[in-house]
Amino acid sequence: MTQDSPLKPDDFPVKVENQKLRTQKDEPVAVAETPELADQVAKRLNEHAHQEEQDRWSA
């Protein structure tokens, strides 16, 4: 995944390895300053992706 590539639905849920965020295909997404920040970012990304999926089904 290049730096400018947007995340796709099949990249979720994003997982965390220490400070690194990775897709389900184990591709790097980002590196956070701390493991705690990485957890928070992954949680928010995953929640947002889940909400978008729910919105698609309810439309």
PDB file of N, CA and C in Angstrom:
ATOM      1  N   MET A   1       0.852  -1.159   0.000  1.00  0.00           N
ATOM      2  CA  MET A   1       0.000   0.000   0.000  1.00  0.00           C
ATOM      3  C   MET A   1       0.902   1.228   0.000  1.00  0.00           C
ATOM      4  N   THR A   2       0.663   2.133  -0.906  1.00  0.00           N
ATOM      5  CA  THR A   2       1.460   3.344  -0.942  1.00  0.00           C
ATOM      6  C   THR A   2       0.905   4.353   0.038  1.00  0.00           C
ATOM      7  N   GLN A   3       1.675   5.373   0.299  1.00  0.00           N
ATOM      8  CA  GLN A   3       1.291   6.365   1.282  1.00  0.00           C
ATOM      9  C   GLN A   3      -0.002   7.082   0.914  1.00  0.00           C
ATOM     10  N   ASP A   4      -0.291   7.237  -0.380  1.00  0.00           N
ATOM     11  CA  ASP A   4      -1.475   7.964  -0.812  1.00  0.00           C
ATOM     12  C   ASP A   4      -2.677   7.071  -1.095  1.00  0.00           C
ATOM     13  N   SER A   5      -2.552   5.771  -0.930  1.00  0.00           N
ATOM     14  CA  SER A   5      -3.648   4.858  -1.216  1.00  0.00           C
ATOM     15  C   SER A   5      -4.694   4.922  -0.111  1.00  0.00           C
ATOM     16  N   PRO A   6      -5.958   5.115  -0.486  1.00  0.00           N
ATOM     17  CA  PRO A   6      -6.999   5.107   0.549  1.00  0.00           C
ATOM     18  C   PRO A   6      -7.264   3.679   1.044  1.00  0.00           C
ATOM     19  N   LEU A   7      -7.737   3.575   2.259  1.00  0.00           N
ATOM     20  CA  LEU A   7      -8.111   2.270   2.790  1.00  0.00           C
ATOM     21  C   LEU A   7      -9.395   1.815   2.119  1.00  0.00           C
ATOM     22  N   LYS A   8      -9.482   0.524   1.877  1.00  0.00           N
ATOM     23  CA  LYS A   8     -10.660  -0.071   1.247  1.00  0.00           C
ATOM     24  C   LYS A   8     -11.401  -0.902   2.291  1.00  0.00           C
ATOM     25  N   PRO A   9     -12.680  -1.182   2.041  1.00  0.00           N
ATOM     26  CA  PRO A   9     -13.447  -1.959   3.025  1.00  0.00           C
ATOM     27  C   PRO A   9     -12.801  -3.303   3.402  1.00  0.00           C
ATOM     28  N   ASP A  10     -12.132  -3.948   2.446  1.00  0.00           N
ATOM     29  CA  ASP A  10     -11.532  -5.245   2.782  1.00  0.00           C
ATOM     30  C   ASP A  10     -10.224  -5.116   3.565  1.00  0.00           C
ATOM     31  N   ASP A  11      -9.775  -3.888   3.838  1.00  0.00           N
ATOM     32  CA  ASP A  11      -8.597  -3.665   4.668  1.00  0.00           C
ATOM     33  C   ASP A  11      -8.928  -3.742   6.157  1.00  0.00           C
ATOM     34  N   PHE A  12     -10.212  -3.724   6.482  1.00  0.00           N
ATOM     35  CA  PHE A  12     -10.644  -3.676   7.875  1.00  0.00           C
ATOM     36  C   PHE A  12     -10.996  -5.047   8.394  1.00  0.00           C
ATOM     37  N   PRO A  13     -10.895  -5.244   9.690  1.00  0.00           N
ATOM     38  CA  PRO A  13     -10.481  -4.276  10.696  1.00  0.00           C
ATOM     39  C   PRO A  13      -8.971  -4.071  10.667  1.00  0.00           C
ATOM     40  N   VAL A  14      -8.565  -2.851  10.979  1.00  0.00           N
ATOM     41  CA  VAL A  14      -7.157  -2.508  11.093  1.00  0.00           C
ATOM     42  C   VAL A  14      -6.656  -3.112  12.393  1.00  0.00           C
ATOM     43  N   LYS A  15      -5.465  -3.663  12.365  1.00  0.00           N
ATOM     44  CA  LYS A  15      -4.895  -4.253  13.581  1.00  0.00           C
ATOM     45  C   LYS A  15      -3.653  -3.471  13.997  1.00  0.00           C
ATOM     46  N   VAL A  16      -3.244  -3.646  15.241  1.00  0.00           N
ATOM     47  CA  VAL A  16      -2.123  -2.907  15.805  1.00  0.00           C
ATOM     48  C   VAL A  16      -1.033  -3.877  16.224  1.00  0.00           C
ATOM     49  N   GLU A  17       0.189  -3.544  15.867  1.00  0.00           N
ATOM     50  CA  GLU A  17       1.371  -4.268  16.329  1.00  0.00           C
ATOM     51  C   GLU A  17       2.311  -3.238  16.929  1.00  0.00           C
ATOM     52  N   ASN A  18       2.292  -3.133  18.256  1.00  0.00           N
ATOM     53  CA  ASN A  18       3.057  -2.129  18.987  1.00  0.00           C
ATOM     54  C   ASN A  18       2.598  -0.742  18.554  1.00  0.00           C
ATOM     55  N   GLN A  19       3.357  -0.022  17.754  1.00  0.00           N
ATOM     56  CA  GLN A  19       2.968   1.314  17.315  1.00  0.00           C
ATOM     57  C   GLN A  19       2.519   1.318  15.856  1.00  0.00           C
ATOM     58  N   LYS A  20       2.543   0.169  15.201  1.00  0.00           N
ATOM     59  CA  LYS A  20       2.229   0.087  13.771  1.00  0.00           C
ATOM     60  C   LYS A  20       0.788  -0.348  13.549  1.00  0.00           C
ATOM     61  N   LEU A  21       0.118   0.347  12.633  1.00  0.00           N
ATOM     62  CA  LEU A  21      -1.220  -0.034  12.213  1.00  0.00           C
ATOM     63  C   LEU A  21      -1.088  -0.773  10.896  1.00  0.00           C
ATOM     64  N   ARG A  22      -1.792  -1.906  10.783  1.00  0.00           N
ATOM     65  CA  ARG A  22      -1.691  -2.740   9.596  1.00  0.00           C
ATOM     66  C   ARG A  22      -3.085  -3.189   9.163  1.00  0.00           C
ATOM     67  N   THR A  23      -3.226  -3.446   7.857  1.00  0.00           N
ATOM     68  CA  THR A  23      -4.487  -3.938   7.323  1.00  0.00           C
ATOM     69  C   THR A  23      -4.607  -5.429   7.584  1.00  0.00           C
ATOM     70  N   GLN A  24      -5.753  -5.982   7.229  1.00  0.00           N
ATOM     71  CA  GLN A  24      -5.964  -7.426   7.348  1.00  0.00           C
ATOM     72  C   GLN A  24      -4.984  -8.202   6.476  1.00  0.00           C
ATOM     73  N   LYS A  25      -4.516  -7.571   5.406  1.00  0.00           N
ATOM     74  CA  LYS A  25      -3.556  -8.210   4.498  1.00  0.00           C
ATOM     75  C   LYS A  25      -2.124  -7.966   4.954  1.00  0.00           C
ATOM     76  N   ASP A  26      -1.974  -7.447   6.160  1.00  0.00           N
ATOM     77  CA  ASP A  26      -0.685  -7.174   6.784  1.00  0.00           C
ATOM     78  C   ASP A  26       0.105  -6.075   6.076  1.00  0.00           C
ATOM     79  N   GLU A  27      -0.592  -5.176   5.387  1.00  0.00           N
ATOM     80  CA  GLU A  27       0.061  -4.045   4.743  1.00  0.00           C
ATOM     81  C   GLU A  27       0.125  -2.886   5.740  1.00  0.00           C
ATOM     82  N   PRO A  28       1.232  -2.146   5.763  1.00  0.00           N
ATOM     83  CA  PRO A  28       1.347  -1.036   6.709  1.00  0.00           C
ATOM     84  C   PRO A  28       0.390   0.101   6.376  1.00  0.00           C
ATOM     85  N   VAL A  29      -0.171   0.694   7.413  1.00  0.00           N
ATOM     86  CA  VAL A  29      -1.068   1.836   7.261  1.00  0.00           C
ATOM     87  C   VAL A  29      -0.393   3.083   7.811  1.00  0.00           C
ATOM     88  N   ALA A  30       0.101   2.992   9.048  1.00  0.00           N
ATOM     89  CA  ALA A  30       0.721   4.143   9.698  1.00  0.00           C
ATOM     90  C   ALA A  30       1.522   3.673  10.901  1.00  0.00           C
ATOM     91  N   VAL A  31       2.325   4.592  11.412  1.00  0.00           N
ATOM     92  CA  VAL A  31       3.064   4.363  12.653  1.00  0.00           C
ATOM     93  C   VAL A  31       2.711   5.514  13.592  1.00  0.00           C
ATOM     94  N   ALA A  32       2.235   5.169  14.768  1.00  0.00           N
ATOM     95  CA  ALA A  32       1.852   6.171  15.761  1.00  0.00           C
ATOM     96  C   ALA A  32       3.031   6.459  16.691  1.00  0.00           C
ATOM     97  N   GLU A  33       2.919   7.535  17.427  1.00  0.00           N
ATOM     98  CA  GLU A  33       3.990   7.910  18.349  1.00  0.00           C
ATOM     99  C   GLU A  33       4.081   6.970  19.547  1.00  0.00           C
ATOM    100  N   THR A  34       2.933   6.421  19.966  1.00  0.00           N
ATOM    101  CA  THR A  34       2.913   5.516  21.114  1.00  0.00           C
ATOM    102  C   THR A  34       1.983   4.345  20.809  1.00  0.00           C
ATOM    103  N   PRO A  35       2.157   3.228  21.494  1.00  0.00           N
ATOM    104  CA  PRO A  35       1.229   2.108  21.324  1.00  0.00           C
ATOM    105  C   PRO A  35      -0.202   2.479  21.701  1.00  0.00           C
ATOM    106  N   GLU A  36      -0.368   3.318  22.715  1.00  0.00           N
ATOM    107  CA  GLU A  36      -1.703   3.731  23.137  1.00  0.00           C
ATOM    108  C   GLU A  36      -2.396   4.535  22.036  1.00  0.00           C
ATOM    109  N   LEU A  37      -1.660   5.426  21.401  1.00  0.00           N
ATOM    110  CA  LEU A  37      -2.215   6.211  20.312  1.00  0.00           C
ATOM    111  C   LEU A  37      -2.565   5.309  19.129  1.00  0.00           C
ATOM    112  N   ALA A  38      -1.725   4.338  18.845  1.00  0.00           N
ATOM    113  CA  ALA A  38      -2.012   3.388  17.768  1.00  0.00           C
ATOM    114  C   ALA A  38      -3.314   2.646  18.045  1.00  0.00           C
ATOM    115  N   ASP A  39      -3.517   2.222  19.298  1.00  0.00           N
ATOM    116  CA  ASP A  39      -4.765   1.540  19.669  1.00  0.00           C
ATOM    117  C   ASP A  39      -5.974   2.447  19.458  1.00  0.00           C
ATOM    118  N   GLN A  40      -5.857   3.708  19.867  1.00  0.00           N
ATOM    119  CA  GLN A  40      -6.970   4.644  19.716  1.00  0.00           C
ATOM    120  C   GLN A  40      -7.297   4.898  18.251  1.00  0.00           C
ATOM    121  N   VAL A  41      -6.272   5.085  17.426  1.00  0.00           N
ATOM    122  CA  VAL A  41      -6.485   5.341  16.000  1.00  0.00           C
ATOM    123  C   VAL A  41      -7.130   4.126  15.341  1.00  0.00           C
ATOM    124  N   ALA A  42      -6.628   2.943  15.641  1.00  0.00           N
ATOM    125  CA  ALA A  42      -7.191   1.722  15.059  1.00  0.00           C
ATOM    126  C   ALA A  42      -8.647   1.553  15.479  1.00  0.00           C
ATOM    127  N   LYS A  43      -8.930   1.807  16.740  1.00  0.00           N
ATOM    128  CA  LYS A  43     -10.306   1.678  17.231  1.00  0.00           C
ATOM    129  C   LYS A  43     -11.237   2.625  16.478  1.00  0.00           C
ATOM    130  N   ARG A  44     -10.816   3.867  16.308  1.00  0.00           N
ATOM    131  CA  ARG A  44     -11.656   4.845  15.609  1.00  0.00           C
ATOM    132  C   ARG A  44     -11.822   4.495  14.139  1.00  0.00           C
ATOM    133  N   LEU A  45     -10.755   4.066  13.494  1.00  0.00           N
ATOM    134  CA  LEU A  45     -10.860   3.662  12.083  1.00  0.00           C
ATOM    135  C   LEU A  45     -11.811   2.482  11.929  1.00  0.00           C
ATOM    136  N   ASN A  46     -11.671   1.500  12.809  1.00  0.00           N
ATOM    137  CA  ASN A  46     -12.524   0.317  12.732  1.00  0.00           C
ATOM    138  C   ASN A  46     -13.984   0.656  13.024  1.00  0.00           C
ATOM    139  N   GLU A  47     -14.220   1.521  14.001  1.00  0.00           N
ATOM    140  CA  GLU A  47     -15.596   1.934  14.299  1.00  0.00           C
ATOM    141  C   GLU A  47     -16.207   2.693  13.127  1.00  0.00           C
ATOM    142  N   HIS A  48     -15.421   3.553  12.513  1.00  0.00           N
ATOM    143  CA  HIS A  48     -15.914   4.319  11.362  1.00  0.00           C
ATOM    144  C   HIS A  48     -16.228   3.382  10.186  1.00  0.00           C
ATOM    145  N   ALA A  49     -15.353   2.437   9.923  1.00  0.00           N
ATOM    146  CA  ALA A  49     -15.588   1.485   8.836  1.00  0.00           C
ATOM    147  C   ALA A  49     -16.835   0.653   9.114  1.00  0.00           C
ATOM    148  N   HIS A  50     -17.023   0.258  10.371  1.00  0.00           N
ATOM    149  CA  HIS A  50     -18.208  -0.522  10.742  1.00  0.00           C
ATOM    150  C   HIS A  50     -19.481   0.304  10.534  1.00  0.00           C
ATOM    151  N   GLN A  51     -19.432   1.567  10.931  1.00  0.00           N
ATOM    152  CA  GLN A  51     -20.594   2.434  10.754  1.00  0.00           C
ATOM    153  C   GLN A  51     -20.915   2.633   9.278  1.00  0.00           C
ATOM    154  N   GLU A  52     -19.895   2.810   8.448  1.00  0.00           N
ATOM    155  CA  GLU A  52     -20.125   2.957   7.011  1.00  0.00           C
ATOM    156  C   GLU A  52     -20.769   1.701   6.430  1.00  0.00           C
ATOM    157  N   GLU A  53     -20.337   0.541   6.896  1.00  0.00           N
ATOM    158  CA  GLU A  53     -20.926  -0.725   6.437  1.00  0.00           C
ATOM    159  C   GLU A  53     -22.394  -0.807   6.853  1.00  0.00           C
ATOM    160  N   GLN A  54     -22.688  -0.422   8.090  1.00  0.00           N
ATOM    161  CA  GLN A  54     -24.068  -0.419   8.555  1.00  0.00           C
ATOM    162  C   GLN A  54     -24.930   0.547   7.738  1.00  0.00           C
ATOM    163  N   ASP A  55     -24.369   1.717   7.420  1.00  0.00           N
ATOM    164  CA  ASP A  55     -25.099   2.703   6.634  1.00  0.00           C
ATOM    165  C   ASP A  55     -25.400   2.192   5.231  1.00  0.00           C
ATOM    166  N   ARG A  56     -24.476   1.450   4.650  1.00  0.00           N
ATOM    167  CA  ARG A  56     -24.718   0.887   3.304  1.00  0.00           C
ATOM    168  C   ARG A  56     -25.873  -0.110   3.334  1.00  0.00           C
ATOM    169  N   TRP A  57     -25.933  -0.908   4.399  1.00  0.00           N
ATOM    170  CA  TRP A  57     -26.985  -1.921   4.496  1.00  0.00           C
ATOM    171  C   TRP A  57     -28.348  -1.293   4.791  1.00  0.00           C
ATOM    172  N   SER A  58     -28.363  -0.171   5.482  1.00  0.00           N
ATOM    173  CA  SER A  58     -29.629   0.419   5.857  1.00  0.00           C
ATOM    174  C   SER A  58     -30.196   1.354   4.780  1.00  0.00           C
ATOM    175  N   ALA A  59     -29.402   1.678   3.803  1.00  0.00           N
ATOM    176  CA  ALA A  59     -29.856   2.616   2.756  1.00  0.00           C
ATOM    177  C   ALA A  59     -30.784   1.959   1.763  1.00  0.00           C
TER     178      ALA A  59
END
